[in-house]
Amino acid sequence: MNDIAHNLAQVRDKISAAATRCGRASEEITLLAVSKTKPASAIAEAIAAGQRAFGENYVQEGVDKIRYFQEQGTSDLQWHFIGPLQSNKSRLVAEHFDWCHTVDRLRIATRLSDQRPAEMPALNVLIQINISDENSKSGIALSELDALVAEVAALPRLTLRGLMAIPAPESSYERQFAVAQQMAVAFEALKARYETVDTLSLGMSDDMEAAIAAGSTMVRIGTAVFGARDYTK
């Protein structure tokens, strides 16, 4: 078993154990392998080990990888854009990705809807919440959610799937869980109102267990799958 396949198996075991501890089925939780800065060869190893959903933070890098695997004939992959999205890059996301996790203003959502090709399925989108109220993070406050959701849900080429957040690092499980629970409450309220909503993208390597206990349906894991990022590239 290669390193990435071994890493994936370990991460899946951790997800399963975390789900079991809180009475959930591991099948309820999607593992999104964050492949930013990683070469196509590393992604190919993950694909060989059964991974299908990949998250990219940089638009052009992600598009290059999507095109590469399309040319290879690998057609059953899911590509998620999970980085901050600038207006001038929205067309590339709309034309190539399956999901966008970082919708936080109507202007971006409208551009994504307008630029989504008619022959492709509607783009799956998540509203990004700045749950820890950090100036350095994108996302809206929970108090702004209802207004934005109503506008995004009405856009014809988007499918509203739920919420995403990147909480500030917390050293204790209790604090991680408390923050995650705020997101879960908002998610459940949204799910009750919109039949397309089924996804809470919450939890990374350090807070995955607390996020799953609170109700996350998708965890975003990079280093634990692919190894440490190479900052020389």
Foldseek 3Di string as FASTA:
>chain_A
DDPLLVLVVVVLVVLCVLQVVQVHHSLLAAEEAEQELHDLVLVVVVVVSPHAHYEYADLVVQLVSQVVVVVVVNDRHAYEYEHDDDQVRLLSCLDGHQEYEDDADLVSLQSSLVNRDPVDAAREYAAEDALQPDPVDGGHHLVCPVVNCVSNCPRDRYQYAYHEYDYDDDDDLVVLLVSLLVRLVSRVVVVVVDVNHSAYEDEEDPRNSSNVSNPHSYYYYYCSNRNDRDPVD
